[in-house]
Protein backbone atom coordinates (compact mmCIF):
# COMPACT_ATOMS: atom_id res chain seq x y z
CA MET A 1 -41.47 -23.08 -48.84
CA THR A 2 -38.20 -24.98 -49.30
CA ALA A 3 -36.50 -21.94 -50.81
CA LEU A 4 -37.63 -19.77 -47.91
CA THR A 5 -36.23 -22.29 -45.45
CA ASP A 6 -32.90 -22.31 -47.25
CA VAL A 7 -32.68 -18.51 -47.04
CA THR A 8 -33.29 -18.44 -43.28
CA ASN A 9 -30.54 -20.99 -42.78
CA LEU A 10 -27.93 -18.81 -44.47
CA PRO A 11 -25.30 -17.11 -42.22
CA GLY A 12 -26.79 -13.86 -41.02
CA GLY A 13 -30.37 -15.09 -41.37
CA SER A 14 -32.68 -15.27 -38.38
CA ALA A 15 -32.17 -19.01 -37.96
CA GLY A 16 -28.60 -19.20 -39.21
CA SER A 17 -27.25 -16.65 -36.71
CA ASP A 18 -27.63 -19.28 -33.97
CA VAL A 19 -25.44 -21.84 -35.74
CA LEU A 20 -22.55 -19.59 -36.71
CA SER A 21 -19.14 -20.86 -35.67
CA PRO A 22 -17.05 -18.75 -33.25
CA ASP A 23 -14.75 -17.72 -36.12
CA GLU A 24 -17.72 -16.58 -38.21
CA ARG A 25 -19.16 -14.57 -35.32
CA ARG A 26 -15.79 -12.90 -34.76
CA ALA A 27 -15.59 -12.03 -38.46
CA MET A 28 -18.90 -10.15 -38.15
CA MET A 29 -17.84 -8.12 -35.09
CA SER A 30 -16.63 -4.52 -35.18
CA VAL A 31 -13.19 -3.57 -33.90
CA GLY A 32 -14.75 -2.18 -30.72
CA GLN A 33 -16.58 -5.45 -30.06
CA LEU A 34 -13.40 -7.42 -30.65
CA MET A 35 -11.49 -5.19 -28.23
CA TRP A 36 -14.14 -5.64 -25.53
CA LEU A 37 -14.20 -9.42 -26.10
CA ARG A 38 -10.43 -9.64 -25.73
CA PHE A 39 -10.43 -7.36 -22.69
CA ARG A 40 -13.22 -9.33 -21.01
CA ARG A 41 -11.23 -12.55 -21.31
CA ASN A 42 -8.38 -11.02 -19.30
CA LYS A 43 -9.26 -12.03 -15.72
CA LEU A 44 -6.71 -9.73 -14.10
CA ALA A 45 -7.95 -6.76 -16.11
CA MET A 46 -11.57 -7.46 -15.19
CA SER A 47 -10.60 -7.87 -11.53
CA GLY A 48 -8.75 -4.57 -11.61
CA MET A 49 -11.73 -2.90 -13.28
CA ALA A 50 -14.07 -4.22 -10.57
CA VAL A 51 -11.80 -2.92 -7.81
CA LEU A 52 -11.58 0.52 -9.44
CA VAL A 53 -15.36 0.72 -9.88
CA VAL A 54 -15.81 -0.02 -6.17
CA MET A 55 -13.11 2.49 -5.21
CA TYR A 56 -14.63 5.30 -7.25
CA LEU A 57 -18.14 4.53 -6.00
CA LEU A 58 -16.84 4.74 -2.43
CA THR A 59 -15.18 8.02 -3.36
CA ILE A 60 -18.35 9.51 -4.84
CA PHE A 61 -20.49 8.49 -1.87
CA ALA A 62 -17.82 8.97 0.80
CA ASP A 63 -20.12 11.17 2.90
CA PHE A 64 -22.70 8.39 3.05
CA VAL A 65 -20.33 5.44 3.51
CA ALA A 66 -18.09 7.08 6.12
CA PRO A 67 -19.54 6.85 9.65
CA TYR A 68 -18.04 10.23 10.59
CA THR A 69 -17.10 13.46 8.85
CA VAL A 70 -13.54 14.12 7.76
CA ASP A 71 -12.55 16.38 10.68
CA GLN A 72 -14.83 15.05 13.42
CA THR A 73 -12.68 14.44 16.50
CA HIS A 74 -13.20 12.06 19.42
CA THR A 75 -11.02 13.44 22.20
CA GLN A 76 -11.53 10.40 24.44
CA TYR A 77 -10.29 8.04 21.73
CA VAL A 78 -7.03 9.61 20.55
CA ALA A 79 -4.81 7.05 18.76
CA ALA A 80 -7.34 4.27 19.33
CA PRO A 81 -6.52 0.98 17.54
CA PRO A 82 -8.86 -0.59 14.96
CA HIS A 83 -12.22 -1.48 16.45
CA GLY A 84 -13.58 -4.76 15.10
CA ILE A 85 -17.17 -5.74 14.30
CA HIS A 86 -18.39 -8.90 16.05
CA PHE A 87 -21.29 -11.29 15.59
CA ARG A 88 -21.97 -12.23 19.18
CA ASP A 89 -23.91 -10.78 22.06
CA ALA A 90 -22.81 -9.74 25.55
CA GLN A 91 -23.09 -13.37 26.73
CA GLY A 92 -20.71 -14.57 24.02
CA ASN A 93 -23.38 -16.31 21.94
CA PHE A 94 -23.42 -16.08 18.15
CA SER A 95 -25.76 -13.42 16.78
CA LEU A 96 -26.66 -12.36 13.26
CA THR A 97 -26.78 -8.75 14.42
CA PRO A 98 -23.32 -7.14 14.08
CA VAL A 99 -22.14 -5.32 17.19
CA VAL A 100 -19.10 -3.41 18.40
CA PHE A 101 -17.80 -3.73 21.91
CA GLY A 102 -17.30 -0.85 24.27
CA LEU A 103 -13.82 0.67 24.53
CA GLU A 104 -12.07 1.14 27.85
CA SER A 105 -9.04 3.40 28.10
CA LYS A 106 -6.31 3.18 30.72
CA THR A 107 -3.32 5.46 31.20
CA ASN A 108 0.03 4.01 32.19
CA LEU A 109 1.29 6.20 35.03
CA GLU A 110 4.92 5.46 34.16
CA THR A 111 4.86 6.14 30.41
CA PHE A 112 1.65 8.23 30.35
CA ARG A 113 0.56 6.22 27.34
CA LYS A 114 -3.12 5.51 26.91
CA THR A 115 -4.12 1.98 25.98
CA PHE A 116 -7.52 0.78 24.81
CA THR A 117 -9.18 -2.57 25.45
CA GLU A 118 -12.52 -3.90 24.26
CA ASP A 119 -15.18 -4.67 26.86
CA PRO A 120 -17.28 -7.64 25.59
CA ALA A 121 -19.83 -6.99 28.33
CA VAL A 122 -20.84 -3.73 26.64
CA THR A 123 -22.18 -4.06 23.10
CA TYR A 124 -23.57 -1.55 20.63
CA PRO A 125 -25.52 -2.87 17.61
CA VAL A 126 -24.44 -1.66 14.19
CA HIS A 127 -27.32 0.05 12.37
CA PHE A 128 -27.43 0.23 8.58
CA PHE A 129 -28.90 3.18 6.69
CA ALA A 130 -29.40 4.91 10.01
CA SER A 131 -29.07 8.49 11.25
CA GLY A 132 -25.69 9.71 12.41
CA THR A 133 -23.49 12.78 12.04
CA PRO A 134 -25.20 15.43 9.85
CA TYR A 135 -23.54 16.33 6.55
CA LYS A 136 -24.37 17.61 3.07
CA MET A 137 -24.48 15.03 0.30
CA PHE A 138 -22.32 16.33 -2.58
CA GLY A 139 -22.17 19.59 -0.61
CA LEU A 140 -25.79 20.35 -1.54
CA PHE A 141 -28.37 18.18 0.22
CA PRO A 142 -28.47 18.19 4.05
CA THR A 143 -28.93 14.71 5.54
CA ASP A 144 -27.73 12.55 8.41
CA LYS A 145 -28.07 9.08 6.85
CA HIS A 146 -25.01 6.83 6.83
CA LEU A 147 -24.37 3.34 5.49
CA PHE A 148 -23.61 2.12 9.01
CA THR A 149 -23.35 3.69 12.43
CA VAL A 150 -23.80 2.92 16.13
CA ASP A 151 -25.75 4.63 18.86
CA GLU A 152 -23.97 6.95 21.26
CA PRO A 153 -21.96 6.58 23.41
CA GLY A 154 -20.71 3.72 21.24
CA LYS A 155 -18.00 4.31 18.64
CA ILE A 156 -17.04 2.39 15.53
CA PHE A 157 -13.45 2.81 14.36
CA ILE A 158 -12.86 0.13 11.72
CA LEU A 159 -9.28 1.26 11.04
CA GLY A 160 -8.63 3.12 14.30
CA THR A 161 -8.12 6.83 14.90
CA ASP A 162 -5.24 9.24 14.34
CA SER A 163 -3.30 11.36 16.80
CA THR A 164 -6.19 13.82 17.18
CA GLY A 165 -8.99 11.27 17.49
CA ARG A 166 -10.30 11.39 13.91
CA ASP A 167 -11.67 8.19 12.37
CA LEU A 168 -9.06 6.87 9.91
CA PHE A 169 -11.52 4.94 7.74
CA SER A 170 -13.60 8.06 7.16
CA ARG A 171 -10.51 10.13 6.38
CA ILE A 172 -9.26 7.52 3.88
CA LEU A 173 -12.58 7.70 2.01
CA TYR A 174 -12.52 11.50 1.95
CA GLY A 175 -8.83 11.50 1.00
CA ALA A 176 -9.59 9.23 -1.95
CA ARG A 177 -11.58 12.08 -3.48
CA VAL A 178 -8.37 14.03 -3.94
CA SER A 179 -5.92 11.21 -4.62
CA LEU A 180 -8.10 9.40 -7.17
CA THR A 181 -9.36 12.49 -9.00
CA VAL A 182 -6.10 14.45 -9.16
CA GLY A 183 -4.72 11.61 -11.29
CA LEU A 184 -7.66 11.90 -13.69
CA VAL A 185 -7.32 15.69 -13.92
CA GLY A 186 -3.56 15.45 -14.43
CA VAL A 187 -3.92 12.80 -17.13
CA LEU A 188 -6.64 14.83 -18.87
CA LEU A 189 -4.35 17.87 -19.01
CA SER A 190 -1.40 15.80 -20.24
CA LEU A 191 -3.65 14.18 -22.88
CA ILE A 192 -4.75 17.56 -24.20
CA ILE A 193 -1.18 18.85 -24.39
CA GLY A 194 0.48 15.63 -25.54
CA ALA A 195 -2.10 14.61 -28.15
CA PHE A 196 -2.24 18.09 -29.69
CA LEU A 197 1.53 18.57 -29.88
CA GLY A 198 2.04 14.97 -31.03
CA VAL A 199 -0.39 15.36 -33.93
CA VAL A 200 1.09 18.73 -34.90
CA SER A 201 4.65 17.40 -34.69
CA GLY A 202 3.92 14.31 -36.78
CA TYR A 203 1.83 16.06 -39.43
CA PHE A 204 3.96 19.13 -40.14
CA GLY A 205 7.42 17.67 -39.55
CA GLY A 206 10.45 19.82 -40.34
CA THR A 207 11.21 22.74 -38.03
CA VAL A 208 7.98 22.36 -36.04
CA ASP A 209 8.76 18.70 -35.38
CA ASN A 210 12.34 19.49 -34.34
CA LEU A 211 11.28 22.21 -31.90
CA ILE A 212 8.66 20.05 -30.21
CA GLN A 213 10.94 17.01 -29.98
CA ARG A 214 13.82 19.05 -28.54
CA ALA A 215 11.46 20.50 -25.92
CA ILE A 216 10.38 16.97 -24.97
CA GLU A 217 14.00 15.86 -24.72
CA VAL A 218 14.86 18.78 -22.41
CA ILE A 219 11.97 17.97 -20.07
CA SER A 220 12.70 14.22 -20.20
CA SER A 221 16.37 14.78 -19.37
CA ILE A 222 15.47 16.15 -15.93
CA PRO A 223 14.77 13.45 -13.30
CA GLN A 224 11.03 13.31 -12.71
CA ILE A 225 10.85 13.42 -8.92
CA PRO A 226 13.25 16.39 -8.47
CA LEU A 227 11.34 18.26 -11.19
CA TRP A 228 8.06 17.52 -9.40
CA LEU A 229 9.54 18.76 -6.14
CA ALA A 230 10.84 21.97 -7.70
CA LEU A 231 7.55 22.78 -9.41
CA ALA A 232 5.45 21.86 -6.37
CA ALA A 233 7.62 24.05 -4.14
CA ALA A 234 6.73 26.98 -6.40
CA VAL A 235 3.03 26.68 -5.49
CA PRO A 236 2.31 29.69 -3.21
CA PRO A 237 1.52 28.63 0.37
CA ASN A 238 -1.31 31.17 0.61
CA TRP A 239 -3.32 29.59 -2.21
CA SER A 240 -6.76 28.24 -1.44
CA PRO A 241 -7.17 24.42 -1.30
CA VAL A 242 -8.89 24.40 -4.71
CA LYS A 243 -6.02 26.34 -6.31
CA VAL A 244 -3.47 24.01 -4.71
CA TYR A 245 -5.40 20.99 -6.03
CA PHE A 246 -5.33 22.21 -9.63
CA GLY A 247 -1.78 23.50 -9.19
CA ILE A 248 -0.58 20.01 -8.27
CA ALA A 249 -2.53 18.56 -11.21
CA VAL A 250 -0.78 21.00 -13.57
CA VAL A 251 2.61 20.10 -12.06
CA LEU A 252 1.98 16.38 -12.59
CA SER A 253 0.74 16.86 -16.17
CA PHE A 254 3.61 19.18 -17.14
CA VAL A 255 6.11 16.38 -16.59
CA SER A 256 4.05 13.59 -18.18
CA TRP A 257 2.89 14.86 -21.58
CA GLY A 258 6.15 14.21 -23.46
CA GLY A 259 5.84 10.43 -23.69
CA LEU A 260 2.29 10.67 -25.02
CA ALA A 261 3.29 13.29 -27.60
CA ARG A 262 6.07 11.06 -28.93
CA GLN A 263 3.80 8.04 -29.32
CA VAL A 264 1.07 10.06 -31.03
CA ARG A 265 3.71 11.58 -33.33
CA GLY A 266 4.83 8.10 -34.37
CA ILE A 267 1.27 7.09 -35.25
CA VAL A 268 0.65 10.28 -37.22
CA LEU A 269 3.91 9.86 -39.16
CA GLY A 270 2.54 6.58 -40.46
CA LEU A 271 -0.87 8.05 -41.30
CA ARG A 272 -0.13 11.46 -42.82
CA ASP A 273 0.50 10.03 -46.30
CA SER A 274 -2.44 7.61 -46.17
CA ASP A 275 -5.06 7.71 -48.90
CA PHE A 276 -7.79 9.22 -46.72
CA VAL A 277 -5.48 12.04 -45.55
CA VAL A 278 -4.30 12.78 -49.09
CA ALA A 279 -7.92 12.76 -50.30
CA ALA A 280 -8.91 15.19 -47.56
CA ARG A 281 -5.99 17.45 -48.46
CA TYR A 282 -6.94 17.52 -52.16
CA SER A 283 -10.57 18.17 -51.19
CA ASN A 284 -9.42 21.52 -49.77
CA CYS A 285 -10.05 20.47 -46.16
CA GLY A 286 -8.40 22.84 -43.74
CA THR A 287 -5.39 21.77 -41.72
CA PHE A 288 -7.32 21.88 -38.45
CA ARG A 289 -10.07 19.68 -39.91
CA ILE A 290 -7.53 17.12 -41.12
CA LEU A 291 -5.88 17.02 -37.71
CA ALA A 292 -9.11 16.92 -35.68
CA ARG A 293 -11.37 14.79 -37.91
CA HIS A 294 -8.98 12.42 -39.65
CA LEU A 295 -5.71 11.97 -37.75
CA LEU A 296 -6.58 12.43 -34.07
CA PRO A 297 -9.47 9.88 -34.03
CA ASN A 298 -7.09 7.23 -35.38
CA THR A 299 -4.89 7.65 -32.31
CA LEU A 300 -7.66 7.40 -29.70
CA SER A 301 -7.23 3.69 -28.94
CA HIS A 302 -3.53 4.19 -28.21
CA VAL A 303 -4.25 7.38 -26.27
CA LEU A 304 -6.75 5.51 -24.09
CA VAL A 305 -4.19 2.86 -23.24
CA ILE A 306 -1.50 5.44 -22.51
CA ALA A 307 -3.87 7.43 -20.30
CA THR A 308 -4.84 4.37 -18.26
CA THR A 309 -1.22 3.42 -17.67
CA ALA A 310 -0.33 7.03 -16.76
CA ILE A 311 -2.96 7.43 -14.02
CA PRO A 312 -1.08 5.28 -11.44
CA GLY A 313 2.01 7.46 -11.88
CA MET A 314 -0.09 10.57 -11.28
CA ILE A 315 -1.62 9.12 -8.12
CA LEU A 316 1.78 8.03 -6.85
CA GLY A 317 3.20 11.47 -7.69
CA GLU A 318 0.50 13.28 -5.70
CA THR A 319 0.95 10.87 -2.80
CA SER A 320 4.72 11.39 -2.81
CA LEU A 321 4.46 15.19 -2.94
CA SER A 322 1.85 15.30 -0.18
CA PHE A 323 3.89 12.85 1.91
CA LEU A 324 6.86 15.22 1.65
CA GLY A 325 4.68 18.22 2.52
CA LEU A 326 4.86 19.81 -0.95
CA GLY A 327 1.56 18.62 -2.40
CA ILE A 328 -1.96 18.76 -1.00
CA ARG A 329 -2.00 20.54 2.34
CA PRO A 330 -4.43 20.55 5.27
CA PRO A 331 -7.31 21.27 5.62
CA MET A 332 -7.62 19.19 2.43
CA THR A 333 -7.15 15.47 2.93
CA SER A 334 -5.46 13.02 0.59
CA TRP A 335 -3.75 9.68 1.02
CA GLY A 336 -0.39 11.44 0.91
CA VAL A 337 -1.46 13.83 3.68
CA LEU A 338 -2.54 10.85 5.81
CA LEU A 339 0.78 9.09 5.24
CA ASN A 340 2.62 12.30 6.12
CA GLU A 341 1.27 11.89 9.64
CA ALA A 342 2.77 8.39 9.86
CA GLN A 343 6.36 9.14 8.83
CA LYS A 344 7.75 9.37 12.36
CA VAL A 345 9.32 6.22 13.79
CA ARG A 346 7.54 6.70 17.12
CA VAL A 347 4.19 6.84 15.36
CA LEU A 348 4.94 3.71 13.33
CA LEU A 349 5.82 1.78 16.47
CA GLN A 350 2.85 2.93 18.52
CA GLN A 351 0.21 3.44 15.79
CA PRO A 352 1.02 1.11 12.87
CA TRP A 353 -2.59 1.33 11.63
CA LEU A 354 -1.81 4.81 10.30
CA LEU A 355 -0.11 3.02 7.38
CA TYR A 356 -3.43 1.69 6.09
CA PRO A 357 -3.65 4.48 3.45
CA ALA A 358 -0.56 2.95 1.82
CA LEU A 359 -2.53 -0.27 1.24
CA PHE A 360 -5.22 1.71 -0.59
CA VAL A 361 -2.54 3.39 -2.73
CA LEU A 362 -0.99 0.01 -3.55
CA LEU A 363 -4.35 -1.59 -4.37
CA THR A 364 -5.31 1.30 -6.66
CA ILE A 365 -2.00 1.34 -8.55
CA VAL A 366 -1.99 -2.44 -9.06
CA SER A 367 -5.61 -2.33 -10.29
CA PHE A 368 -4.83 0.44 -12.78
CA ASN A 369 -1.81 -1.50 -14.03
CA PHE A 370 -3.95 -4.62 -14.57
CA VAL A 371 -6.52 -2.58 -16.50
CA GLY A 372 -3.78 -0.87 -18.52
CA ASP A 373 -2.23 -4.21 -19.46
CA GLY A 374 -5.65 -5.50 -20.50
CA LEU A 375 -6.32 -2.44 -22.65
CA ARG A 376 -2.87 -2.69 -24.21
CA ASP A 377 -3.58 -6.27 -25.27
CA ALA A 378 -7.12 -5.40 -26.40
CA ALA A 379 -5.91 -2.45 -28.50
CA ASP A 380 -4.76 -5.01 -31.10
CA PRO A 381 -7.64 -7.51 -31.14
CA PHE A 382 -6.11 -9.46 -34.04
CA ALA A 383 -2.81 -10.15 -32.26
CA GLY A 384 -1.97 -13.80 -31.89
CA GLU A 385 -4.39 -14.92 -34.61
């Protein structure tokens, strides 16, 4: 019985696993577990990850979360300011039921400008998971359920309306579908091109390496934004919205693959004479198998970090092109398209809430940068030990 007790108290036994020191537990972890442990300890990275999860969930379920459809107009509420949600009734008493006040519009006879004021005497309760404007969830399932809405004739404009009376909050959610996904598509394309050419360049060397590196240098020597503008201007104006979307993604990826290819090449240069690669070569493994099964998997951790840090640049690139009128075009909606409507000084003075999409762009880019920094630190879990 004593011998059995001694065995269970050994490290790795059923009883001993509870008394292992932190250093012993770390020694038993895989590299992936160590990376996740290091990433989880980075508070900024975890905060950025949480923000991005919320943003992409809102993007996926934009039809449900948005109180109105993307192009639904409210002609009586053109350029209406943000409409707050209140927790008080018509008598001014506190209430747990959220309400919105009625909106009154008045036209200045001298300037012909319409101004809006809230009428606390008229309240409309906010209903959750209630029926509203009909739509098709994911473009397939007809429904009219929304996360929140108000009964007619009440209106709820959390971030105000634009110059044609469309709800800005709803349009920001719909625009996120383009702005947040075009970065992923662009990065995916640049990963495919950059990782493949980087592995080929590092493994073969010689003339192949020189040709690929010179091509990267030529592309890198051209300023990025002018090159984006030139390529985006070449997108035919008669293309369908879907073609324009993928065209902009290709433009963004064409400029961004060079940096990834160089970093992958550097990793492969250090691995191509390793024992496992030499053994695979002497085992008559084909070149493609060596590249795909032995070299490329060893670059994935670095590729993941590079991809995460490249997404903000892609999003900012699409926003910049659309802001200048060379990217996504109506009837598609993106954050850049929304900001394009706010570039006039008169609009900024009279409707400053049209700049709210810029806050979403800033929040997304900062969150991606936090996550990228966390992944960069986690990619070497033994650093600092």
